Amino acid sequence: MAIVKSKLLKQLKKNWPNFLLSDLNKVTDIVLNEIKRALKRGDGVELRNFGTWRVKTQKESIRRNPKTGEKVAVPAKKVISWKMSKEMFKKMNNEK
């Protein structure tokens, strides 16, 4: 199950009830927009104890259309890769 922004905001409001929901929404928007802008520039983003995002270039290739079996040329494109931190890995796997 994925987390959506509204659920994230509810959790933030629950953890910090003194903040207005509109302020939490603005802060969340600012953080997410800065991550997007950095990735668009080609920079990496690192959130300590969470993970890193990097932009990689996927080479052009020849693939097959699964319905028809026809060969299709796929151009090179940029993709985002995410790698979790060691701390996140340990939490996910219940390790100390």
Protein backbone atom coordinates (compact mmCIF):
# COMPACT_ATOMS: atom_id res chain seq x y z
CA MET A 1 0.00 0.00 0.00
CA ALA A 2 1.41 3.35 -1.01
CA ILE A 3 1.24 6.46 1.10
CA VAL A 4 -0.50 9.45 -0.41
CA LYS A 5 0.17 13.06 0.47
CA SER A 6 -3.10 13.46 2.41
CA LYS A 7 -2.22 10.52 4.69
CA LEU A 8 1.28 11.90 5.16
CA LEU A 9 -0.17 15.27 6.18
CA LYS A 10 -2.56 13.59 8.63
CA GLN A 11 0.35 11.75 10.24
CA LEU A 12 2.42 14.94 10.44
CA LYS A 13 -0.53 16.76 12.02
CA LYS A 14 -0.94 13.92 14.52
CA ASN A 15 2.76 14.07 15.46
CA TRP A 16 2.91 17.88 15.61
CA PRO A 17 -0.55 19.14 16.59
CA ASN A 18 0.70 22.70 17.26
CA PHE A 19 1.36 23.29 13.55
CA LEU A 20 -1.42 24.36 11.22
CA LEU A 21 -2.30 21.86 8.51
CA SER A 22 -1.79 24.57 5.87
CA ASP A 23 1.76 25.17 7.14
CA LEU A 24 2.55 21.44 7.07
CA ASN A 25 1.16 21.30 3.53
CA LYS A 26 3.41 24.20 2.44
CA VAL A 27 6.51 22.62 3.98
CA THR A 28 5.72 19.27 2.34
CA ASP A 29 5.21 20.99 -1.03
CA ILE A 30 8.51 22.87 -0.69
CA VAL A 31 10.46 19.70 0.14
CA LEU A 32 8.90 17.66 -2.67
CA ASN A 33 9.36 20.48 -5.21
CA GLU A 34 13.04 20.88 -4.25
CA ILE A 35 13.57 17.14 -4.74
CA LYS A 36 11.92 17.37 -8.19
CA ARG A 37 13.98 20.43 -9.17
CA ALA A 38 17.26 18.80 -8.11
CA LEU A 39 16.48 15.64 -10.08
CA LYS A 40 15.45 17.69 -13.11
CA ARG A 41 18.87 19.43 -12.97
CA GLY A 42 20.52 16.01 -12.85
CA ASP A 43 21.65 16.35 -9.24
CA GLY A 44 21.33 13.56 -6.71
CA VAL A 45 19.22 13.90 -3.58
CA GLU A 46 20.11 12.31 -0.25
CA LEU A 47 17.91 12.16 2.84
CA ARG A 48 20.01 10.80 5.68
CA ASN A 49 18.76 7.56 7.23
CA PHE A 50 16.20 7.24 4.42
CA GLY A 51 17.81 6.94 0.98
CA THR A 52 19.13 8.59 -2.16
CA TRP A 53 17.64 9.42 -5.53
CA ARG A 54 19.79 9.61 -8.67
CA VAL A 55 19.06 10.29 -12.33
CA LYS A 56 20.43 7.65 -14.69
CA THR A 57 20.35 7.51 -18.47
CA GLN A 58 18.88 4.34 -19.91
CA LYS A 59 20.50 3.38 -23.22
CA GLU A 60 18.45 3.14 -26.39
CA SER A 61 17.47 -0.39 -27.25
CA ILE A 62 15.48 -2.63 -29.53
CA ARG A 63 12.56 -4.35 -27.78
CA ARG A 64 9.56 -6.36 -28.81
CA ASN A 65 5.91 -5.47 -28.67
CA PRO A 66 4.44 -8.30 -26.56
CA LYS A 67 1.15 -8.33 -28.50
CA THR A 68 2.50 -8.42 -32.04
CA GLY A 69 6.10 -9.57 -31.58
CA GLU A 70 7.17 -6.62 -33.74
CA LYS A 71 10.56 -5.05 -32.99
CA VAL A 72 10.35 -1.52 -31.60
CA ALA A 73 13.19 0.97 -31.22
CA VAL A 74 13.12 2.59 -27.77
CA PRO A 75 15.12 5.84 -27.54
CA ALA A 76 17.48 6.67 -24.68
CA LYS A 77 15.72 8.20 -21.68
CA LYS A 78 16.39 9.40 -18.18
CA VAL A 79 15.08 7.37 -15.25
CA ILE A 80 15.11 7.94 -11.50
CA SER A 81 16.69 5.30 -9.28
CA TRP A 82 16.27 5.13 -5.53
CA LYS A 83 18.49 3.32 -3.06
CA MET A 84 17.55 2.93 0.58
CA SER A 85 20.04 3.74 3.30
CA LYS A 86 21.60 1.09 5.52
CA GLU A 87 19.49 2.33 8.44
CA MET A 88 16.29 2.00 6.40
CA PHE A 89 17.36 -1.48 5.27
CA LYS A 90 17.87 -2.53 8.88
CA LYS A 91 14.48 -1.15 9.92
CA MET A 92 12.75 -2.88 7.01
CA ASN A 93 14.37 -6.20 7.94
CA ASN A 94 13.98 -5.85 11.72
CA GLU A 95 17.72 -5.88 12.29
CA LYS A 96 19.50 -4.04 15.09
